Amino acid sequence: MIFRIAFCLTAILNTGLGFNAYAQDRPNILFAISDDQSFFHTSYQGSNFVNTPAFDRVAREGVYFSNAYAGSPGCAPSRSAIITGRHHWQNEQAGQHASAWLKKYVPFVDLLKKNGYATGRTGKGVGPFQYARTEEDSLWRKNDAAGVSHSNLKYEEHNDERFAKGISKTNYFGNFRYFVENIKKDKPFFFWYGGVEPHRTYEKGSWKNMSKKLEDVEVPEFLPDNKEIRGDLLDYAVEIEWFDLHLQRMLEYMEEIGELENTIVIVTADNGMPFPRAKANSYEYGVHVPFAVRYPKKFPGNRVVEDPIGFIDLAPTILEITNTSPKGMLPITGKSILNLLQSKENGVLSKTERAVYSGRERHSSSRYLNWGYPQRSVRKGDYLFIWNMKPERWPAGAPQKFAENDSTQLLPIHGLDKNNTYINGSAYTDIDDCPTKTYLIEHREEIEIMPYFDLAVEKRPEFELYNVQQDPSCLKNLSGTPLFKKMEKALKTEFLSELKKSNDPRIVGPDPEIFDSYKRYSPMRKFPEPVSAN
């Protein structure tokens, strides 16, 4: 009888349900996520104007996923997909940019904490969302879904080493070291490193202090190639390198204290770069993100996996790795990719072709009555299929709005004053204000610039289909063409099946317009009613 009790106790302990005696056998997890970085922009991937030695090390010594897709081309819904293992459209307000996080959407981080992990974060967590402000917000979660913040250590005048003024003052590495030395104790840890970089705004011309060269920049085909655009891309690169520097310091510190080999390091970005036709768009540059995992103890390294993976796959993977039950979370839609991590092979590993999904609703406050621009997309094989569910709406936001201090004064079309100078925040506000956006608007009537302006802001067809291996800039729409008719039909059928299976309100109801009704807690703008309101 005593033997049976001891055997059962041992079995319980070995399930990893939170006993400190077994902490040394359970891996730490460092989850590093940058803010607005496209797949193409790491030196491991071959970018000539971005230098990312820390990411490159993780990719080189670990597993590099060449086809990782964010849950959304915007930060809040994308992070919602990571933390819940569910498509953003399954999470009500908790999948909607700048809305409320309902407490019923339990993140996997909570379960890791219950399972004996020390959890924490620095920098940007799961947001922007509105968390509970008072006890009256009884249905809302109180704390950030990524865990307790450790962001008190800031750069000050005497130790400010930041590359540019737009970079956050948060000392990410310093806060991580504080967490390890003061919070972790004898527990395994899950730590969320959420860089604010390379989110805008940037210090214009910061690249000049970093020995960067305009001629090194690879300009995406959907943007004009000139000094203004190249300089903006280099300022973006400066901020990526700041994020990478703090990751490098974290890796070196863990190596010094003997924790690195027992730490799973995951590095990615929440969505693509903050440029026109990238962020807030379901094209390659909006949803295809860098992704690498290092854990040589269990995951054979120096490998490239080409299978598409989605952000909803991260929660079930981390739960499986840590032997943590999903009990308490709402049903998880994603599938664990542990088998891909443990394989010794390169290339496409799955026996059946994987499909991964992304989407968006409202991004910023950019249209009449706070309407969004609903999109759903699927990547399968070489093809990316996009469904623009409201093609009559402006994809980048309305071209005209009312003045902030006078809701009866309609600002000029395209946000241009009488001198043809763009007024910040006055048009196409799903695109972050930036030199590239300003250039496109102010030069939109020039023959060589007009096509790029149209690509960024003009209305789009309901369906788009791209061969992203041949056309990563997503310029040649294959939807409706005879050669791809059969393939497109099959992809649409599978796509619609997933949306129905996951109870997307846009498809199954009961209220297909529910997303537009969710309250936004970030600043609001007022726009004129479209000629044909719907």
Protein backbone atom coordinates (compact mmCIF):
# COMPACT_ATOMS: atom_id res chain seq x y z
CA MET A 1 0.00 0.00 0.00
CA ILE A 2 2.83 2.40 0.91
CA PHE A 3 4.54 1.55 -2.37
CA ARG A 4 1.37 2.35 -4.33
CA ILE A 5 0.99 5.72 -2.59
CA ALA A 6 4.62 6.59 -3.25
CA PHE A 7 4.29 5.55 -6.88
CA CYS A 8 1.20 7.72 -7.36
CA LEU A 9 2.88 10.69 -5.66
CA THR A 10 5.89 10.34 -7.93
CA ALA A 11 3.62 10.25 -10.98
CA ILE A 12 1.87 13.43 -9.85
CA LEU A 13 5.17 15.22 -9.27
CA ASN A 14 6.44 14.23 -12.67
CA THR A 15 3.43 15.76 -14.41
CA GLY A 16 5.03 19.11 -13.58
CA LEU A 17 2.13 20.41 -11.51
CA GLY A 18 4.23 22.94 -9.66
CA PHE A 19 6.60 21.34 -7.16
CA ASN A 20 9.87 23.19 -6.55
CA ALA A 21 11.85 19.99 -6.10
CA TYR A 22 11.44 19.37 -9.81
CA ALA A 23 12.01 22.96 -10.96
CA GLN A 24 15.49 22.22 -12.30
CA ASP A 25 14.00 19.70 -14.74
CA ARG A 26 11.42 22.13 -16.09
CA PRO A 27 12.53 24.63 -18.70
CA ASN A 28 12.43 28.38 -18.27
CA ILE A 29 10.81 30.28 -21.12
CA LEU A 30 11.95 33.66 -22.38
CA PHE A 31 9.37 34.99 -24.82
CA ALA A 32 10.67 38.01 -26.74
CA ILE A 33 8.26 39.92 -28.97
CA SER A 34 9.06 43.09 -30.89
CA ASP A 35 6.38 45.58 -31.88
CA ASP A 36 5.86 45.96 -35.67
CA GLN A 37 8.60 43.99 -37.45
CA SER A 38 8.17 42.16 -40.74
CA PHE A 39 9.61 38.72 -41.48
CA PHE A 40 12.11 40.10 -43.99
CA HIS A 41 13.94 42.33 -41.52
CA THR A 42 16.52 40.25 -39.69
CA SER A 43 20.09 39.71 -40.77
CA TYR A 44 19.47 35.95 -40.50
CA GLN A 45 16.85 36.29 -43.22
CA GLY A 46 19.34 38.18 -45.34
CA SER A 47 18.43 41.83 -44.81
CA ASN A 48 21.39 44.06 -45.66
CA PHE A 49 20.29 47.05 -43.60
CA VAL A 50 19.24 45.38 -40.34
CA ASN A 51 21.74 43.73 -37.99
CA THR A 52 20.22 41.30 -35.48
CA PRO A 53 22.97 39.14 -33.91
CA ALA A 54 20.79 37.95 -31.01
CA PHE A 55 17.93 36.82 -33.23
CA ASP A 56 20.46 35.25 -35.60
CA ARG A 57 21.97 33.25 -32.74
CA VAL A 58 18.57 31.92 -31.66
CA ALA A 59 17.74 31.00 -35.26
CA ARG A 60 21.15 29.48 -35.96
CA GLU A 61 21.38 27.43 -32.76
CA GLY A 62 17.68 26.67 -32.74
CA VAL A 63 14.74 26.23 -35.10
CA TYR A 64 13.91 28.97 -37.59
CA PHE A 65 10.33 29.02 -38.85
CA SER A 66 10.33 30.66 -42.27
CA ASN A 67 6.53 30.85 -42.53
CA ALA A 68 5.24 32.17 -39.21
CA TYR A 69 2.05 34.22 -39.34
CA ALA A 70 0.70 36.65 -36.78
CA GLY A 71 -2.90 36.28 -35.66
CA SER A 72 -3.61 39.77 -36.96
CA PRO A 73 -1.75 42.62 -38.69
CA GLY A 74 -2.40 44.72 -35.56
CA CYS A 75 -0.87 44.37 -32.10
CA ALA A 76 -3.80 43.86 -29.70
CA PRO A 77 -5.71 41.15 -31.61
CA SER A 78 -2.44 39.46 -32.56
CA ARG A 79 -1.30 39.28 -28.93
CA SER A 80 -4.76 38.08 -27.96
CA ALA A 81 -4.30 35.10 -30.31
CA ILE A 82 -0.91 34.29 -28.76
CA ILE A 83 -2.07 34.32 -25.17
CA THR A 84 -5.39 32.47 -25.64
CA GLY A 85 -4.62 30.06 -28.50
CA ARG A 86 -7.73 31.33 -30.26
CA HIS A 87 -8.43 33.39 -33.39
CA HIS A 88 -9.00 37.02 -32.47
CA TRP A 89 -12.56 36.83 -33.83
CA GLN A 90 -13.31 34.19 -31.16
CA ASN A 91 -12.43 36.54 -28.30
CA GLU A 92 -15.13 39.24 -28.46
CA GLN A 93 -13.77 42.52 -27.04
CA ALA A 94 -10.58 40.72 -26.00
CA GLY A 95 -9.76 40.28 -29.68
CA GLN A 96 -10.53 43.87 -30.65
CA HIS A 97 -7.98 46.67 -30.68
CA ALA A 98 -8.23 49.05 -27.68
CA SER A 99 -11.36 47.43 -26.24
CA ALA A 100 -11.92 45.68 -22.88
CA TRP A 101 -10.30 42.41 -21.83
CA LEU A 102 -12.95 40.13 -20.35
CA LYS A 103 -11.71 38.01 -17.46
CA LYS A 104 -13.16 34.82 -18.96
CA TYR A 105 -10.38 34.89 -21.57
CA VAL A 106 -7.79 33.32 -19.29
CA PRO A 107 -4.24 33.53 -20.72
CA PHE A 108 -1.87 30.58 -20.60
CA VAL A 109 0.45 32.67 -18.39
CA ASP A 110 -2.04 32.32 -15.51
CA LEU A 111 -1.91 28.56 -15.80
CA LEU A 112 1.89 28.51 -15.85
CA LYS A 113 1.86 30.50 -12.61
CA LYS A 114 -0.53 27.99 -11.01
CA ASN A 115 1.78 25.26 -12.23
CA GLY A 116 4.72 26.59 -10.24
CA TYR A 117 6.28 29.03 -12.68
CA ALA A 118 7.48 32.48 -11.72
CA THR A 119 5.91 34.78 -14.30
CA GLY A 120 6.54 38.38 -15.25
CA ARG A 121 7.09 40.80 -18.07
CA THR A 122 8.82 44.01 -19.06
CA GLY A 123 7.75 46.53 -21.67
CA LYS A 124 4.60 46.08 -23.72
CA GLY A 125 2.35 43.22 -22.69
CA VAL A 126 -0.98 42.18 -24.19
CA GLY A 127 -2.43 45.41 -25.44
CA PRO A 128 -3.61 47.96 -26.05
CA PHE A 129 -6.61 46.75 -24.07
CA GLN A 130 -8.62 48.35 -21.31
CA TYR A 131 -8.22 46.35 -18.11
CA ALA A 132 -10.45 46.78 -15.06
CA ARG A 133 -10.29 50.31 -13.63
CA THR A 134 -12.56 49.86 -10.59
CA GLU A 135 -14.58 47.12 -8.95
CA GLU A 136 -17.49 48.17 -11.18
CA ASP A 137 -15.64 46.62 -14.13
CA SER A 138 -16.48 43.24 -12.64
CA LEU A 139 -16.36 41.32 -15.94
CA TRP A 140 -12.94 42.65 -16.88
CA ARG A 141 -9.52 41.31 -16.08
CA LYS A 142 -7.56 43.44 -13.60
CA ASN A 143 -3.98 42.84 -14.76
CA ASP A 144 -2.25 42.62 -18.12
CA ALA A 145 -2.67 39.16 -19.60
CA ALA A 146 1.11 38.81 -20.11
CA GLY A 147 1.78 38.92 -16.36
CA VAL A 148 2.95 41.33 -13.68
CA SER A 149 5.02 44.20 -15.04
CA HIS A 150 8.65 44.67 -14.09
CA SER A 151 9.44 47.88 -15.93
CA ASN A 152 10.57 50.21 -13.15
CA LEU A 153 14.19 50.48 -14.26
CA LYS A 154 14.41 53.35 -16.74
CA TYR A 155 17.17 55.12 -18.59
CA GLU A 156 18.01 58.49 -17.09
CA GLU A 157 20.24 61.30 -18.23
CA HIS A 158 23.37 59.87 -16.60
CA ASN A 159 23.06 56.42 -18.22
CA ASP A 160 21.04 57.04 -21.37
CA GLU A 161 22.56 54.87 -24.10
CA ARG A 162 19.52 54.78 -26.35
CA PHE A 163 20.15 54.94 -30.08
CA ALA A 164 17.35 57.45 -30.74
CA LYS A 165 14.82 59.66 -28.97
CA GLY A 166 11.83 57.57 -30.09
CA ILE A 167 13.09 54.50 -28.21
CA SER A 168 11.43 53.62 -24.90
CA LYS A 169 13.22 54.63 -21.71
CA THR A 170 12.50 51.19 -20.22
CA ASN A 171 15.69 49.25 -19.51
CA TYR A 172 14.40 45.88 -20.68
CA PHE A 173 17.51 43.92 -19.79
CA GLY A 174 17.87 45.58 -16.40
CA ASN A 175 14.29 44.67 -15.53
CA PHE A 176 14.78 41.08 -16.71
CA ARG A 177 17.87 40.72 -14.53
CA TYR A 178 15.96 42.16 -11.56
CA PHE A 179 13.21 39.58 -12.14
CA VAL A 180 15.67 36.68 -12.26
CA GLU A 181 17.59 37.83 -9.18
CA ASN A 182 14.64 38.87 -7.02
CA ILE A 183 11.42 37.21 -8.23
CA LYS A 184 12.35 33.89 -9.83
CA LYS A 185 14.00 32.35 -6.72
CA ASP A 186 14.01 28.55 -7.06
CA LYS A 187 11.20 28.33 -9.60
CA PRO A 188 11.35 27.93 -13.36
CA PHE A 189 10.25 31.13 -15.06
CA PHE A 190 8.17 32.43 -17.93
CA PHE A 191 9.21 35.96 -18.82
CA TRP A 192 7.60 38.12 -21.50
CA TYR A 193 10.03 40.63 -23.02
CA GLY A 194 7.80 43.02 -24.94
CA GLY A 195 9.83 45.65 -26.73
CA VAL A 196 7.99 48.79 -27.77
CA GLU A 197 10.38 48.95 -30.71
CA PRO A 198 10.16 49.31 -33.68
CA HIS A 199 6.73 50.85 -33.13
CA ARG A 200 6.56 54.48 -34.22
CA THR A 201 7.36 57.29 -33.72
CA TYR A 202 11.03 57.37 -34.79
CA GLU A 203 13.65 60.06 -34.46
CA LYS A 204 13.99 61.06 -38.08
CA GLY A 205 17.54 60.61 -39.32
CA SER A 206 18.63 58.49 -36.35
CA TRP A 207 20.25 56.11 -38.83
CA LYS A 208 22.94 58.70 -39.56
CA ASN A 209 24.43 58.15 -36.09
CA MET A 210 24.57 54.38 -36.60
CA SER A 211 26.87 54.24 -39.62
CA LYS A 212 24.04 53.08 -41.84
CA LYS A 213 23.91 53.69 -45.58
CA LEU A 214 20.97 54.53 -47.81
CA GLU A 215 22.30 52.28 -50.56
CA ASP A 216 22.02 49.18 -48.33
CA VAL A 217 18.23 49.41 -48.03
CA GLU A 218 15.95 46.98 -49.84
CA VAL A 219 12.75 48.91 -50.56
CA PRO A 220 9.59 46.76 -50.86
CA GLU A 221 8.00 46.93 -54.28
CA PHE A 222 4.86 48.59 -52.94
CA LEU A 223 6.82 51.71 -51.88
CA PRO A 224 8.66 54.24 -54.05
CA ASP A 225 12.42 53.98 -53.97
CA ASN A 226 13.95 57.31 -52.96
CA LYS A 227 16.01 58.85 -50.15
CA GLU A 228 12.97 59.74 -48.03
CA ILE A 229 11.64 56.18 -47.99
CA ARG A 230 15.09 54.64 -47.56
CA GLY A 231 15.82 56.92 -44.62
CA ASP A 232 12.52 56.00 -42.98
CA LEU A 233 13.35 52.31 -43.38
CA LEU A 234 16.77 52.86 -41.81
CA ASP A 235 15.19 54.61 -38.80
CA TYR A 236 12.97 51.53 -38.48
CA ALA A 237 16.08 49.33 -38.59
CA VAL A 238 17.71 51.32 -35.77
CA GLU A 239 14.82 50.45 -33.46
CA ILE A 240 14.86 46.76 -34.41
CA GLU A 241 18.53 46.70 -33.46
CA TRP A 242 17.75 48.24 -30.05
CA PHE A 243 15.27 45.47 -29.34
CA ASP A 244 17.83 42.91 -30.45
CA LEU A 245 20.56 44.44 -28.27
CA HIS A 246 18.53 43.86 -25.10
CA LEU A 247 17.76 40.31 -26.21
CA GLN A 248 21.48 39.75 -26.70
CA ARG A 249 22.17 40.98 -23.17
CA MET A 250 19.53 38.64 -21.79
CA LEU A 251 21.06 35.67 -23.59
CA GLU A 252 24.57 36.51 -22.39
CA TYR A 253 23.37 37.02 -18.82
CA MET A 254 21.57 33.67 -18.75
CA GLU A 255 24.69 32.05 -20.13
CA GLU A 256 26.78 33.62 -17.34
CA ILE A 257 24.49 32.33 -14.58
CA GLY A 258 24.09 28.87 -16.12
CA GLU A 259 20.41 29.18 -17.07
CA LEU A 260 20.58 29.48 -20.85
CA GLU A 261 20.72 25.77 -21.67
CA ASN A 262 17.61 25.18 -19.55
CA THR A 263 15.73 28.07 -21.15
CA ILE A 264 13.47 27.92 -24.18
CA VAL A 265 13.99 31.19 -26.04
CA ILE A 266 11.19 32.23 -28.40
CA VAL A 267 11.64 35.36 -30.52
CA THR A 268 9.01 36.89 -32.80
CA ALA A 269 7.08 40.09 -33.60
CA ASP A 270 3.40 40.86 -33.13
CA ASN A 271 2.79 42.03 -36.73
CA GLY A 272 4.51 43.65 -39.66
CA MET A 273 6.32 46.93 -40.13
CA PRO A 274 4.56 50.29 -39.56
CA PHE A 275 4.50 51.43 -43.17
CA PRO A 276 1.70 51.86 -45.74
CA ARG A 277 0.32 48.54 -47.06
CA ALA A 278 2.11 46.60 -44.30
CA LYS A 279 0.91 46.93 -40.68
CA ALA A 280 -2.91 46.79 -40.43
CA ASN A 281 -3.02 44.88 -43.74
CA SER A 282 -3.21 41.11 -44.21
CA TYR A 283 -0.51 41.15 -46.86
CA GLU A 284 2.87 39.45 -46.38
CA TYR A 285 4.52 42.53 -44.89
CA GLY A 286 1.63 42.86 -42.43
CA VAL A 287 1.26 39.32 -41.05
CA HIS A 288 4.41 37.35 -41.96
CA VAL A 289 6.75 37.74 -38.98
CA PRO A 290 10.18 36.52 -37.82
CA PHE A 291 10.06 33.47 -35.55
CA ALA A 292 12.82 31.36 -34.00
CA VAL A 293 13.04 28.99 -31.02
CA ARG A 294 16.22 27.88 -29.22
CA TYR A 295 16.40 24.94 -26.78
CA PRO A 296 19.27 22.65 -27.84
CA LYS A 297 18.61 20.26 -24.97
CA LYS A 298 15.40 19.02 -26.61
CA PHE A 299 15.00 20.85 -29.94
CA PRO A 300 17.68 19.96 -32.53
CA GLY A 301 19.18 23.20 -33.82
CA ASN A 302 20.50 24.67 -37.03
CA ARG A 303 17.24 23.84 -38.76
CA VAL A 304 14.77 25.71 -40.95
CA VAL A 305 11.14 24.58 -40.82
CA GLU A 306 9.01 25.72 -43.74
CA ASP A 307 5.61 24.55 -42.48
CA PRO A 308 3.29 27.54 -41.91
CA ILE A 309 2.57 28.13 -38.23
CA GLY A 310 0.16 30.59 -36.63
CA PHE A 311 0.10 32.48 -33.36
CA ILE A 312 -2.81 30.41 -32.08
CA ASP A 313 -0.38 27.45 -32.04
CA LEU A 314 1.84 29.01 -29.36
CA ALA A 315 -0.40 28.57 -26.30
CA PRO A 316 -0.97 24.81 -26.79
CA THR A 317 2.74 24.35 -27.54
CA ILE A 318 3.88 26.10 -24.37
CA LEU A 319 1.29 24.26 -22.29
CA GLU A 320 2.47 20.93 -23.68
CA ILE A 321 6.15 21.74 -23.16
CA THR A 322 5.56 22.68 -19.53
CA ASN A 323 3.13 19.82 -18.91
CA THR A 324 0.47 22.33 -17.91
CA SER A 325 -3.23 21.52 -18.18
CA PRO A 326 -5.34 24.00 -20.21
CA LYS A 327 -8.11 23.67 -17.62
CA GLY A 328 -9.50 27.10 -16.91
CA MET A 329 -8.97 28.47 -20.40
CA LEU A 330 -11.67 28.64 -23.03
CA PRO A 331 -11.32 25.95 -25.72
CA ILE A 332 -8.05 26.34 -27.61
CA THR A 333 -8.23 26.42 -31.40
CA GLY A 334 -4.51 26.17 -32.17
CA LYS A 335 -2.46 22.98 -32.38
CA SER A 336 0.84 22.30 -30.65
CA ILE A 337 3.92 22.47 -32.87
CA LEU A 338 6.08 20.51 -30.42
CA ASN A 339 6.52 17.76 -33.00
CA LEU A 340 8.06 20.29 -35.41
CA LEU A 341 10.40 21.54 -32.70
CA GLN A 342 11.56 18.06 -31.72
CA SER A 343 12.13 16.86 -35.26
CA LYS A 344 15.66 16.60 -36.68
CA GLU A 345 14.53 17.45 -40.20
CA ASN A 346 14.48 20.62 -42.31
CA GLY A 347 11.90 21.87 -44.79
CA VAL A 348 8.23 20.94 -44.83
CA LEU A 349 7.69 18.35 -42.09
CA SER A 350 3.92 17.88 -41.83
CA LYS A 351 2.35 15.02 -43.76
CA THR A 352 -0.67 17.15 -44.58
CA GLU A 353 -0.33 20.74 -45.79
CA ARG A 354 -0.92 23.20 -42.95
CA ALA A 355 -3.14 26.27 -43.27
CA VAL A 356 -2.76 29.27 -40.97
CA TYR A 357 -5.21 32.13 -40.48
CA SER A 358 -5.09 35.84 -39.70
CA GLY A 359 -7.59 38.67 -39.65
CA ARG A 360 -8.50 42.10 -38.44
CA GLU A 361 -11.43 44.28 -37.51
CA ARG A 362 -11.01 47.80 -36.21
CA HIS A 363 -7.42 49.02 -35.98
CA SER A 364 -7.37 52.69 -35.10
CA SER A 365 -10.30 55.12 -35.01
CA SER A 366 -10.38 55.59 -38.75
CA ARG A 367 -13.93 55.57 -40.16
CA TYR A 368 -17.46 56.77 -39.64
CA LEU A 369 -19.03 55.50 -36.38
CA ASN A 370 -15.77 53.78 -35.51
CA TRP A 371 -16.19 51.15 -38.19
CA GLY A 372 -13.36 48.76 -38.84
CA TYR A 373 -12.10 47.14 -42.01
CA PRO A 374 -12.85 43.44 -41.53
CA GLN A 375 -10.41 41.08 -43.20
CA ARG A 376 -9.76 37.36 -42.93
CA SER A 377 -6.80 35.65 -44.57
CA VAL A 378 -5.31 32.19 -44.95
CA ARG A 379 -1.84 31.08 -45.97
CA LYS A 380 -1.53 27.59 -47.43
CA GLY A 381 1.25 26.29 -49.64
CA ASP A 382 2.63 29.14 -51.71
CA TYR A 383 -0.59 31.13 -51.60
CA LEU A 384 -2.08 33.84 -49.44
CA PHE A 385 -5.84 34.35 -49.80
CA ILE A 386 -7.47 37.50 -48.39
CA TRP A 387 -11.16 38.20 -47.92
CA ASN A 388 -11.97 41.92 -47.64
CA MET A 389 -15.40 41.57 -46.08
CA LYS A 390 -16.40 45.22 -46.54
CA PRO A 391 -14.70 46.24 -49.79
CA GLU A 392 -16.80 49.40 -50.00
CA ARG A 393 -14.88 50.81 -47.01
CA TRP A 394 -11.53 52.57 -47.14
CA PRO A 395 -8.86 50.01 -46.21
CA ALA A 396 -6.47 52.53 -44.65
CA GLY A 397 -9.19 54.70 -43.14
CA ALA A 398 -11.29 57.57 -44.46
CA PRO A 399 -9.55 60.28 -46.53
CA GLN A 400 -11.16 63.08 -44.52
CA LYS A 401 -12.15 63.79 -40.90
CA PHE A 402 -13.51 66.51 -38.66
CA ALA A 403 -11.20 68.75 -36.65
CA GLU A 404 -10.34 67.63 -33.13
CA ASN A 405 -11.44 70.88 -31.48
CA ASP A 406 -14.44 71.58 -33.73
CA SER A 407 -16.58 68.62 -34.75
CA THR A 408 -18.37 70.74 -37.37
CA GLN A 409 -15.20 71.70 -39.24
CA LEU A 410 -14.34 69.21 -41.95
CA LEU A 411 -10.62 69.06 -42.62
CA PRO A 412 -9.35 69.05 -46.23
CA ILE A 413 -9.44 65.86 -48.31
CA HIS A 414 -6.31 63.72 -47.90
CA GLY A 415 -5.45 65.85 -44.87
CA LEU A 416 -3.65 68.43 -47.02
CA ASP A 417 -3.66 72.11 -46.13
CA LYS A 418 -3.64 74.94 -48.69
CA ASN A 419 0.13 74.56 -49.04
CA ASN A 420 -0.20 70.86 -49.91
CA THR A 421 1.31 69.96 -46.53
CA TYR A 422 -0.08 66.93 -44.74
CA ILE A 423 -1.75 67.60 -41.39
CA ASN A 424 -0.77 64.82 -39.00
CA GLY A 425 -3.58 62.50 -37.93
CA SER A 426 -6.08 63.87 -40.42
CA ALA A 427 -6.49 61.12 -43.05
CA TYR A 428 -5.93 57.40 -43.62
CA THR A 429 -5.34 56.93 -39.90
CA ASP A 430 -4.96 53.15 -40.00
CA ILE A 431 -1.51 54.04 -41.34
CA ASP A 432 0.78 55.41 -38.63
CA ASP A 433 1.88 58.95 -39.37
CA CYS A 434 5.40 58.79 -40.74
CA PRO A 435 7.65 60.29 -43.42
CA THR A 436 6.65 57.56 -45.89
CA LYS A 437 2.93 58.22 -45.46
CA THR A 438 3.45 61.97 -45.71
CA TYR A 439 5.50 61.57 -48.86
CA LEU A 440 2.86 59.41 -50.56
CA ILE A 441 0.06 61.85 -49.76
CA GLU A 442 1.91 65.03 -50.65
CA HIS A 443 3.22 63.58 -53.94
CA ARG A 444 0.15 61.53 -54.83
CA GLU A 445 -0.53 63.45 -58.09
CA GLU A 446 2.93 62.79 -59.50
CA ILE A 447 2.73 60.10 -62.19
CA GLU A 448 5.49 57.94 -60.72
CA ILE A 449 4.06 58.13 -57.16
CA MET A 450 0.34 57.76 -57.88
CA PRO A 451 0.45 53.91 -58.18
CA TYR A 452 2.07 53.62 -54.74
CA PHE A 453 -0.48 55.96 -53.19
CA ASP A 454 -3.30 53.91 -54.70
CA LEU A 455 -1.79 50.65 -53.41
CA ALA A 456 -1.75 52.10 -49.91
CA VAL A 457 -5.17 53.72 -49.62
CA GLU A 458 -7.55 52.93 -52.51
CA LYS A 459 -10.48 50.53 -52.12
CA ARG A 460 -9.78 46.90 -52.87
CA PRO A 461 -11.62 43.95 -54.40
CA GLU A 462 -13.46 41.58 -52.11
CA PHE A 463 -11.05 38.72 -52.77
CA GLU A 464 -7.29 38.73 -53.26
CA LEU A 465 -4.97 35.81 -53.99
CA TYR A 466 -1.19 35.97 -54.17
CA ASN A 467 1.64 33.56 -54.79
CA VAL A 468 3.82 34.90 -51.98
CA GLN A 469 6.87 32.90 -53.02
CA GLN A 470 6.94 34.70 -56.36
CA ASP A 471 5.21 37.90 -55.26
CA PRO A 472 6.00 38.71 -51.59
CA SER A 473 4.92 42.32 -52.06
CA CYS A 474 1.43 41.07 -53.01
CA LEU A 475 1.05 43.11 -56.19
CA LYS A 476 -0.35 40.59 -58.68
CA ASN A 477 -3.86 39.57 -57.64
CA LEU A 478 -4.62 36.10 -59.02
CA SER A 479 -8.17 35.94 -57.68
CA GLY A 480 -10.74 35.34 -60.41
CA THR A 481 -8.19 34.41 -63.06
CA PRO A 482 -8.99 31.22 -65.03
CA LEU A 483 -5.69 29.49 -64.28
CA PHE A 484 -6.29 29.65 -60.51
CA LYS A 485 -10.07 29.23 -60.45
CA LYS A 486 -10.08 25.63 -59.22
CA MET A 487 -7.41 26.19 -56.59
CA GLU A 488 -9.09 29.36 -55.34
CA LYS A 489 -12.43 27.59 -55.01
CA ALA A 490 -10.90 24.80 -52.93
CA LEU A 491 -9.08 27.32 -50.72
CA LYS A 492 -12.25 29.36 -50.20
CA THR A 493 -14.14 26.22 -49.19
CA GLU A 494 -11.52 25.26 -46.61
CA PHE A 495 -11.29 28.85 -45.42
CA LEU A 496 -15.04 29.20 -44.94
CA SER A 497 -15.13 25.88 -43.10
CA GLU A 498 -12.57 27.16 -40.58
CA LEU A 499 -14.48 30.40 -40.05
CA LYS A 500 -17.70 28.48 -39.42
CA LYS A 501 -15.96 25.95 -37.19
CA SER A 502 -14.47 28.75 -35.11
CA ASN A 503 -17.84 30.57 -34.90
CA ASP A 504 -16.71 33.78 -36.55
CA PRO A 505 -19.61 36.21 -35.95
CA ARG A 506 -19.06 37.69 -39.41
CA ILE A 507 -20.08 34.30 -40.82
CA VAL A 508 -22.35 32.57 -38.29
CA GLY A 509 -23.85 35.56 -36.46
CA PRO A 510 -26.05 36.16 -34.62
CA ASP A 511 -24.80 39.72 -35.13
CA PRO A 512 -22.28 39.97 -37.99
CA GLU A 513 -21.61 43.63 -37.12
CA ILE A 514 -20.87 43.03 -33.43
CA PHE A 515 -17.19 44.01 -33.78
CA ASP A 516 -18.09 47.56 -34.81
CA SER A 517 -20.16 47.95 -31.65
CA TYR A 518 -17.38 47.24 -29.16
CA LYS A 519 -16.33 50.35 -27.29
CA ARG A 520 -12.90 51.76 -28.03
CA TYR A 521 -11.01 53.15 -25.01
CA SER A 522 -8.24 54.88 -26.94
CA PRO A 523 -8.70 58.37 -28.47
CA MET A 524 -11.57 58.74 -30.91
CA ARG A 525 -11.92 60.71 -34.12
CA LYS A 526 -15.03 61.90 -35.93
CA PHE A 527 -15.56 61.21 -39.64
CA PRO A 528 -18.24 62.23 -42.13
CA GLU A 529 -20.89 59.70 -43.09
CA PRO A 530 -20.05 57.89 -46.33
CA VAL A 531 -22.29 58.55 -49.30
CA SER A 532 -23.59 55.01 -49.04
CA ALA A 533 -23.57 54.10 -45.33
CA ASN A 534 -23.68 50.41 -44.43
